[in-house]
Amino acid sequence: MDKRQRVAFSDDDTDENLRGSIIKGKQALALKETEFKWDNPSLSLIASALRILTEQNKIIMKQNELILRELETRPTTVRSK
């Protein structure tokens, strides 16, 4: 995929900013998960669960972006048999 086609994160987001955002997101997510209670299966409970899943996905996207940036900076090697 061409780097310009990725719109989730701009080039202005440094690796350190993404790492910091991942750490903060994980901390906030852990707090939300401890507050989450399965006692009453209501719409607000379902909405809360969906927010938690959305936050988890955002963290995974940021981690994937860091991995992709690392792979793009490595020189390609060709293996011969």
PDB file of N, CA and C in Angstrom:
ATOM      1  N   MET A   1       0.844  -1.175   0.000  1.00  0.00           N
ATOM      2  CA  MET A   1       0.000   0.000   0.000  1.00  0.00           C
ATOM      3  C   MET A   1       0.886   1.234   0.000  1.00  0.00           C
ATOM      4  N   ASP A   2       0.521   2.174  -0.827  1.00  0.00           N
ATOM      5  CA  ASP A   2       1.254   3.428  -0.900  1.00  0.00           C
ATOM      6  C   ASP A   2       1.068   4.200   0.405  1.00  0.00           C
ATOM      7  N   LYS A   3       2.137   4.788   0.891  1.00  0.00           N
ATOM      8  CA  LYS A   3       2.097   5.503   2.169  1.00  0.00           C
ATOM      9  C   LYS A   3       1.078   6.629   2.151  1.00  0.00           C
ATOM     10  N   ARG A   4       0.851   7.244   0.999  1.00  0.00           N
ATOM     11  CA  ARG A   4      -0.118   8.344   0.913  1.00  0.00           C
ATOM     12  C   ARG A   4      -1.556   7.847   1.064  1.00  0.00           C
ATOM     13  N   GLN A   5      -1.801   6.571   0.813  1.00  0.00           N
ATOM     14  CA  GLN A   5      -3.153   6.031   0.924  1.00  0.00           C
ATOM     15  C   GLN A   5      -3.549   5.764   2.361  1.00  0.00           C
ATOM     16  N   ARG A   6      -2.591   5.708   3.263  1.00  0.00           N
ATOM     17  CA  ARG A   6      -2.900   5.496   4.678  1.00  0.00           C
ATOM     18  C   ARG A   6      -3.309   6.825   5.282  1.00  0.00           C
ATOM     19  N   VAL A   7      -4.513   6.894   5.794  1.00  0.00           N
ATOM     20  CA  VAL A   7      -4.999   8.151   6.334  1.00  0.00           C
ATOM     21  C   VAL A   7      -5.231   8.085   7.840  1.00  0.00           C
ATOM     22  N   ALA A   8      -5.000   6.948   8.450  1.00  0.00           N
ATOM     23  CA  ALA A   8      -5.270   6.813   9.889  1.00  0.00           C
ATOM     24  C   ALA A   8      -4.347   7.696  10.714  1.00  0.00           C
ATOM     25  N   PHE A   9      -3.096   7.833  10.290  1.00  0.00           N
ATOM     26  CA  PHE A   9      -2.129   8.615  11.049  1.00  0.00           C
ATOM     27  C   PHE A   9      -1.326   9.463  10.085  1.00  0.00           C
ATOM     28  N   SER A  10      -1.125  10.704  10.454  1.00  0.00           N
ATOM     29  CA  SER A  10      -0.358  11.591   9.582  1.00  0.00           C
ATOM     30  C   SER A  10       1.134  11.414   9.842  1.00  0.00           C
ATOM     31  N   ASP A  11       1.927  11.931   8.954  1.00  0.00           N
ATOM     32  CA  ASP A  11       3.373  11.872   9.143  1.00  0.00           C
ATOM     33  C   ASP A  11       3.805  12.727  10.333  1.00  0.00           C
ATOM     34  N   ASP A  12       2.926  13.638  10.761  1.00  0.00           N
ATOM     35  CA  ASP A  12       3.226  14.482  11.922  1.00  0.00           C
ATOM     36  C   ASP A  12       3.223  13.671  13.215  1.00  0.00           C
ATOM     37  N   ASP A  13       2.523  12.540  13.217  1.00  0.00           N
ATOM     38  CA  ASP A  13       2.511  11.676  14.402  1.00  0.00           C
ATOM     39  C   ASP A  13       3.843  10.930  14.467  1.00  0.00           C
ATOM     40  N   THR A  14       4.678  11.354  15.395  1.00  0.00           N
ATOM     41  CA  THR A  14       5.972  10.694  15.529  1.00  0.00           C
ATOM     42  C   THR A  14       5.780   9.339  16.193  1.00  0.00           C
ATOM     43  N   ASP A  15       6.784   8.509  16.086  1.00  0.00           N
ATOM     44  CA  ASP A  15       6.740   7.197  16.729  1.00  0.00           C
ATOM     45  C   ASP A  15       6.551   7.357  18.235  1.00  0.00           C
ATOM     46  N   GLU A  16       7.228   8.336  18.816  1.00  0.00           N
ATOM     47  CA  GLU A  16       7.112   8.554  20.262  1.00  0.00           C
ATOM     48  C   GLU A  16       5.696   9.003  20.643  1.00  0.00           C
ATOM     49  N   ASN A  17       5.093   9.851  19.799  1.00  0.00           N
ATOM     50  CA  ASN A  17       3.713  10.265  20.070  1.00  0.00           C
ATOM     51  C   ASN A  17       2.769   9.069  20.017  1.00  0.00           C
ATOM     52  N   LEU A  18       2.966   8.200  19.028  1.00  0.00           N
ATOM     53  CA  LEU A  18       2.126   7.005  18.926  1.00  0.00           C
ATOM     54  C   LEU A  18       2.338   6.085  20.123  1.00  0.00           C
ATOM     55  N   ARG A  19       3.603   5.895  20.515  1.00  0.00           N
ATOM     56  CA  ARG A  19       3.878   5.042  21.683  1.00  0.00           C
ATOM     57  C   ARG A  19       3.219   5.603  22.938  1.00  0.00           C
ATOM     58  N   GLY A  20       3.333   6.919  23.133  1.00  0.00           N
ATOM     59  CA  GLY A  20       2.706   7.553  24.287  1.00  0.00           C
ATOM     60  C   GLY A  20       1.188   7.412  24.249  1.00  0.00           C
ATOM     61  N   SER A  21       0.621   7.561  23.070  1.00  0.00           N
ATOM     62  CA  SER A  21      -0.819   7.420  22.913  1.00  0.00           C
ATOM     63  C   SER A  21      -1.268   5.987  23.192  1.00  0.00           C
ATOM     64  N   ILE A  22      -0.458   5.023  22.785  1.00  0.00           N
ATOM     65  CA  ILE A  22      -0.768   3.612  23.048  1.00  0.00           C
ATOM     66  C   ILE A  22      -0.764   3.353  24.551  1.00  0.00           C
ATOM     67  N   ILE A  23       0.242   3.858  25.233  1.00  0.00           N
ATOM     68  CA  ILE A  23       0.343   3.644  26.686  1.00  0.00           C
ATOM     69  C   ILE A  23      -0.840   4.301  27.401  1.00  0.00           C
ATOM     70  N   LYS A  24      -1.144   5.555  27.043  1.00  0.00           N
ATOM     71  CA  LYS A  24      -2.273   6.246  27.663  1.00  0.00           C
ATOM     72  C   LYS A  24      -3.581   5.528  27.355  1.00  0.00           C
ATOM     73  N   GLY A  25      -3.726   5.053  26.127  1.00  0.00           N
ATOM     74  CA  GLY A  25      -4.940   4.337  25.742  1.00  0.00           C
ATOM     75  C   GLY A  25      -5.111   3.048  26.518  1.00  0.00           C
ATOM     76  N   LYS A  26      -4.015   2.321  26.702  1.00  0.00           N
ATOM     77  CA  LYS A  26      -4.081   1.082  27.476  1.00  0.00           C
ATOM     78  C   LYS A  26      -4.450   1.348  28.930  1.00  0.00           C
ATOM     79  N   GLN A  27      -3.905   2.414  29.490  1.00  0.00           N
ATOM     80  CA  GLN A  27      -4.232   2.759  30.876  1.00  0.00           C
ATOM     81  C   GLN A  27      -5.707   3.142  31.015  1.00  0.00           C
ATOM     82  N   ALA A  28      -6.191   3.952  30.091  1.00  0.00           N
ATOM     83  CA  ALA A  28      -7.600   4.357  30.127  1.00  0.00           C
ATOM     84  C   ALA A  28      -8.512   3.161  29.915  1.00  0.00           C
ATOM     85  N   LEU A  29      -8.093   2.268  29.026  1.00  0.00           N
ATOM     86  CA  LEU A  29      -8.884   1.076  28.751  1.00  0.00           C
ATOM     87  C   LEU A  29      -8.947   0.161  29.963  1.00  0.00           C
ATOM     88  N   ALA A  30      -7.835   0.014  30.650  1.00  0.00           N
ATOM     89  CA  ALA A  30      -7.813  -0.818  31.856  1.00  0.00           C
ATOM     90  C   ALA A  30      -8.760  -0.260  32.902  1.00  0.00           C
ATOM     91  N   LEU A  31      -8.803   1.060  33.024  1.00  0.00           N
ATOM     92  CA  LEU A  31      -9.709   1.698  33.977  1.00  0.00           C
ATOM     93  C   LEU A  31     -11.166   1.451  33.595  1.00  0.00           C
ATOM     94  N   LYS A  32     -11.471   1.581  32.301  1.00  0.00           N
ATOM     95  CA  LYS A  32     -12.840   1.332  31.836  1.00  0.00           C
ATOM     96  C   LYS A  32     -13.246  -0.117  32.073  1.00  0.00           C
ATOM     97  N   GLU A  33     -12.311  -1.031  31.819  1.00  0.00           N
ATOM     98  CA  GLU A  33     -12.629  -2.451  31.972  1.00  0.00           C
ATOM     99  C   GLU A  33     -12.886  -2.815  33.430  1.00  0.00           C
ATOM    100  N   THR A  34     -12.187  -2.173  34.365  1.00  0.00           N
ATOM    101  CA  THR A  34     -12.424  -2.480  35.770  1.00  0.00           C
ATOM    102  C   THR A  34     -13.759  -1.921  36.237  1.00  0.00           C
ATOM    103  N   GLU A  35     -14.211  -0.835  35.615  1.00  0.00           N
ATOM    104  CA  GLU A  35     -15.502  -0.245  35.967  1.00  0.00           C
ATOM    105  C   GLU A  35     -16.672  -0.976  35.308  1.00  0.00           C
ATOM    106  N   PHE A  36     -16.381  -1.768  34.292  1.00  0.00           N
ATOM    107  CA  PHE A  36     -17.416  -2.455  33.520  1.00  0.00           C
ATOM    108  C   PHE A  36     -18.039  -3.571  34.350  1.00  0.00           C
ATOM    109  N   LYS A  37     -19.358  -3.590  34.401  1.00  0.00           N
ATOM    110  CA  LYS A  37     -20.052  -4.611  35.172  1.00  0.00           C
ATOM    111  C   LYS A  37     -21.078  -5.308  34.285  1.00  0.00           C
ATOM    112  N   TRP A  38     -21.120  -6.625  34.385  1.00  0.00           N
ATOM    113  CA  TRP A  38     -22.042  -7.423  33.583  1.00  0.00           C
ATOM    114  C   TRP A  38     -23.355  -7.686  34.326  1.00  0.00           C
ATOM    115  N   ASP A  39     -23.605  -6.973  35.390  1.00  0.00           N
ATOM    116  CA  ASP A  39     -24.779  -7.239  36.225  1.00  0.00           C
ATOM    117  C   ASP A  39     -26.100  -7.049  35.477  1.00  0.00           C
ATOM    118  N   ASN A  40     -26.199  -6.000  34.703  1.00  0.00           N
ATOM    119  CA  ASN A  40     -27.465  -5.646  34.077  1.00  0.00           C
ATOM    120  C   ASN A  40     -27.275  -5.493  32.569  1.00  0.00           C
ATOM    121  N   PRO A  41     -27.737  -6.461  31.780  1.00  0.00           N
ATOM    122  CA  PRO A  41     -27.544  -6.374  30.320  1.00  0.00           C
ATOM    123  C   PRO A  41     -28.499  -5.350  29.691  1.00  0.00           C
ATOM    124  N   SER A  42     -28.164  -4.093  29.815  1.00  0.00           N
ATOM    125  CA  SER A  42     -28.992  -3.027  29.263  1.00  0.00           C
ATOM    126  C   SER A  42     -28.310  -2.412  28.051  1.00  0.00           C
ATOM    127  N   LEU A  43     -29.001  -1.478  27.433  1.00  0.00           N
ATOM    128  CA  LEU A  43     -28.417  -0.799  26.271  1.00  0.00           C
ATOM    129  C   LEU A  43     -27.175  -0.008  26.652  1.00  0.00           C
ATOM    130  N   SER A  44     -27.168   0.581  27.832  1.00  0.00           N
ATOM    131  CA  SER A  44     -25.989   1.343  28.246  1.00  0.00           C
ATOM    132  C   SER A  44     -24.799   0.411  28.454  1.00  0.00           C
ATOM    133  N   LEU A  45     -25.071  -0.798  28.918  1.00  0.00           N
ATOM    134  CA  LEU A  45     -24.004  -1.782  29.084  1.00  0.00           C
ATOM    135  C   LEU A  45     -23.428  -2.175  27.728  1.00  0.00           C
ATOM    136  N   ILE A  46     -24.305  -2.403  26.769  1.00  0.00           N
ATOM    137  CA  ILE A  46     -23.863  -2.764  25.421  1.00  0.00           C
ATOM    138  C   ILE A  46     -23.070  -1.612  24.803  1.00  0.00           C
ATOM    139  N   ALA A  47     -23.549  -0.396  24.994  1.00  0.00           N
ATOM    140  CA  ALA A  47     -22.836   0.772  24.465  1.00  0.00           C
ATOM    141  C   ALA A  47     -21.462   0.899  25.111  1.00  0.00           C
ATOM    142  N   SER A  48     -21.385   0.643  26.397  1.00  0.00           N
ATOM    143  CA  SER A  48     -20.104   0.710  27.098  1.00  0.00           C
ATOM    144  C   SER A  48     -19.149  -0.353  26.562  1.00  0.00           C
ATOM    145  N   ALA A  49     -19.659  -1.549  26.340  1.00  0.00           N
ATOM    146  CA  ALA A  49     -18.827  -2.621  25.787  1.00  0.00           C
ATOM    147  C   ALA A  49     -18.326  -2.260  24.390  1.00  0.00           C
ATOM    148  N   LEU A  50     -19.171  -1.661  23.590  1.00  0.00           N
ATOM    149  CA  LEU A  50     -18.752  -1.248  22.247  1.00  0.00           C
ATOM    150  C   LEU A  50     -17.689  -0.155  22.302  1.00  0.00           C
ATOM    151  N   ARG A  51     -17.803   0.762  23.257  1.00  0.00           N
ATOM    152  CA  ARG A  51     -16.775   1.803  23.412  1.00  0.00           C
ATOM    153  C   ARG A  51     -15.433   1.169  23.789  1.00  0.00           C
ATOM    154  N   ILE A  52     -15.475   0.183  24.666  1.00  0.00           N
ATOM    155  CA  ILE A  52     -14.238  -0.502  25.061  1.00  0.00           C
ATOM    156  C   ILE A  52     -13.620  -1.195  23.860  1.00  0.00           C
ATOM    157  N   LEU A  53     -14.433  -1.885  23.071  1.00  0.00           N
ATOM    158  CA  LEU A  53     -13.915  -2.559  21.874  1.00  0.00           C
ATOM    159  C   LEU A  53     -13.347  -1.557  20.874  1.00  0.00           C
ATOM    160  N   THR A  54     -13.998  -0.429  20.742  1.00  0.00           N
ATOM    161  CA  THR A  54     -13.502   0.612  19.836  1.00  0.00           C
ATOM    162  C   THR A  54     -12.147   1.132  20.299  1.00  0.00           C
ATOM    163  N   GLU A  55     -12.008   1.362  21.592  1.00  0.00           N
ATOM    164  CA  GLU A  55     -10.729   1.830  22.135  1.00  0.00           C
ATOM    165  C   GLU A  55      -9.632   0.778  21.928  1.00  0.00           C
ATOM    166  N   GLN A  56      -9.983  -0.486  22.117  1.00  0.00           N
ATOM    167  CA  GLN A  56      -9.000  -1.557  21.881  1.00  0.00           C
ATOM    168  C   GLN A  56      -8.545  -1.543  20.430  1.00  0.00           C
ATOM    169  N   ASN A  57      -9.474  -1.368  19.508  1.00  0.00           N
ATOM    170  CA  ASN A  57      -9.128  -1.348  18.089  1.00  0.00           C
ATOM    171  C   ASN A  57      -8.252  -0.156  17.742  1.00  0.00           C
ATOM    172  N   LYS A  58      -8.503   0.988  18.354  1.00  0.00           N
ATOM    173  CA  LYS A  58      -7.653   2.162  18.111  1.00  0.00           C
ATOM    174  C   LYS A  58      -6.220   1.890  18.552  1.00  0.00           C
ATOM    175  N   ILE A  59      -6.075   1.235  19.705  1.00  0.00           N
ATOM    176  CA  ILE A  59      -4.739   0.904  20.205  1.00  0.00           C
ATOM    177  C   ILE A  59      -4.047  -0.054  19.245  1.00  0.00           C
ATOM    178  N   ILE A  60      -4.759  -1.056  18.771  1.00  0.00           N
ATOM    179  CA  ILE A  60      -4.185  -2.025  17.835  1.00  0.00           C
ATOM    180  C   ILE A  60      -3.774  -1.326  16.539  1.00  0.00           C
ATOM    181  N   MET A  61      -4.590  -0.390  16.060  1.00  0.00           N
ATOM    182  CA  MET A  61      -4.235   0.347  14.843  1.00  0.00           C
ATOM    183  C   MET A  61      -2.949   1.133  15.032  1.00  0.00           C
ATOM    184  N   LYS A  62      -2.783   1.753  16.191  1.00  0.00           N
ATOM    185  CA  LYS A  62      -1.557   2.513  16.458  1.00  0.00           C
ATOM    186  C   LYS A  62      -0.348   1.588  16.539  1.00  0.00           C
ATOM    187  N   GLN A  63      -0.532   0.422  17.158  1.00  0.00           N
ATOM    188  CA  GLN A  63       0.568  -0.540  17.224  1.00  0.00           C
ATOM    189  C   GLN A  63       0.933  -1.030  15.828  1.00  0.00           C
ATOM    190  N   ASN A  64      -0.067  -1.280  15.008  1.00  0.00           N
ATOM    191  CA  ASN A  64       0.191  -1.707  13.634  1.00  0.00           C
ATOM    192  C   ASN A  64       0.908  -0.631  12.836  1.00  0.00           C
ATOM    193  N   GLU A  65       0.550   0.617  13.065  1.00  0.00           N
ATOM    194  CA  GLU A  65       1.223   1.725  12.382  1.00  0.00           C
ATOM    195  C   GLU A  65       2.710   1.764  12.744  1.00  0.00           C
ATOM    196  N   LEU A  66       3.026   1.569  14.018  1.00  0.00           N
ATOM    197  CA  LEU A  66       4.432   1.540  14.430  1.00  0.00           C
ATOM    198  C   LEU A  66       5.175   0.385  13.774  1.00  0.00           C
ATOM    199  N   ILE A  67       4.537  -0.774  13.712  1.00  0.00           N
ATOM    200  CA  ILE A  67       5.166  -1.937  13.071  1.00  0.00           C
ATOM    201  C   ILE A  67       5.400  -1.658  11.595  1.00  0.00           C
ATOM    202  N   LEU A  68       4.396  -1.097  10.935  1.00  0.00           N
ATOM    203  CA  LEU A  68       4.520  -0.790   9.511  1.00  0.00           C
ATOM    204  C   LEU A  68       5.632   0.221   9.252  1.00  0.00           C
ATOM    205  N   ARG A  69       5.723   1.236  10.088  1.00  0.00           N
ATOM    206  CA  ARG A  69       6.803   2.228   9.928  1.00  0.00           C
ATOM    207  C   ARG A  69       8.162   1.570  10.084  1.00  0.00           C
ATOM    208  N   GLU A  70       8.273   0.662  11.047  1.00  0.00           N
ATOM    209  CA  GLU A  70       9.549  -0.035  11.252  1.00  0.00           C
ATOM    210  C   GLU A  70       9.897  -0.890  10.029  1.00  0.00           C
ATOM    211  N   LEU A  71       8.919  -1.585   9.498  1.00  0.00           N
ATOM    212  CA  LEU A  71       9.171  -2.424   8.330  1.00  0.00           C
ATOM    213  C   LEU A  71       9.545  -1.598   7.108  1.00  0.00           C
ATOM    214  N   GLU A  72       8.950  -0.421   6.974  1.00  0.00           N
ATOM    215  CA  GLU A  72       9.259   0.439   5.825  1.00  0.00           C
ATOM    216  C   GLU A  72      10.661   1.015   5.893  1.00  0.00           C
ATOM    217  N   THR A  73      11.214   1.137   7.096  1.00  0.00           N
ATOM    218  CA  THR A  73      12.561   1.715   7.214  1.00  0.00           C
ATOM    219  C   THR A  73      13.657   0.663   7.056  1.00  0.00           C
ATOM    220  N   ARG A  74      13.295  -0.593   7.131  1.00  0.00           N
ATOM    221  CA  ARG A  74      14.307  -1.651   6.991  1.00  0.00           C
ATOM    222  C   ARG A  74      14.599  -1.905   5.522  1.00  0.00           C
ATOM    223  N   PRO A  75      15.838  -2.160   5.201  1.00  0.00           N
ATOM    224  CA  PRO A  75      16.163  -2.482   3.798  1.00  0.00           C
ATOM    225  C   PRO A  75      15.617  -3.869   3.448  1.00  0.00           C
ATOM    226  N   THR A  76      15.167  -3.994   2.217  1.00  0.00           N
ATOM    227  CA  THR A  76      14.635  -5.283   1.792  1.00  0.00           C
ATOM    228  C   THR A  76      15.782  -6.210   1.462  1.00  0.00           C
ATOM    229  N   THR A  77      15.638  -7.460   1.855  1.00  0.00           N
ATOM    230  CA  THR A  77      16.642  -8.461   1.551  1.00  0.00           C
ATOM    231  C   THR A  77      16.008  -9.554   0.720  1.00  0.00           C
ATOM    232  N   VAL A  78      16.796 -10.063  -0.212  1.00  0.00           N
ATOM    233  CA  VAL A  78      16.308 -11.115  -1.099  1.00  0.00           C
ATOM    234  C   VAL A  78      17.027 -12.395  -0.717  1.00  0.00           C
ATOM    235  N   ARG A  79      16.252 -13.423  -0.444  1.00  0.00           N
ATOM    236  CA  ARG A  79      16.840 -14.711  -0.115  1.00  0.00           C
ATOM    237  C   ARG A  79      16.969 -15.559  -1.373  1.00  0.00           C
ATOM    238  N   SER A  80      18.108 -16.194  -1.506  1.00  0.00           N
ATOM    239  CA  SER A  80      18.295 -17.097  -2.645  1.00  0.00           C
ATOM    240  C   SER A  80      18.338 -18.525  -2.113  1.00  0.00           C
ATOM    241  N   LYS A  81      17.870 -19.421  -2.944  1.00  0.00           N
ATOM    242  CA  LYS A  81      17.842 -20.836  -2.540  1.00  0.00           C
ATOM    243  C   LYS A  81      19.127 -21.517  -2.869  1.00  0.00           C
TER     244      LYS A  81
END
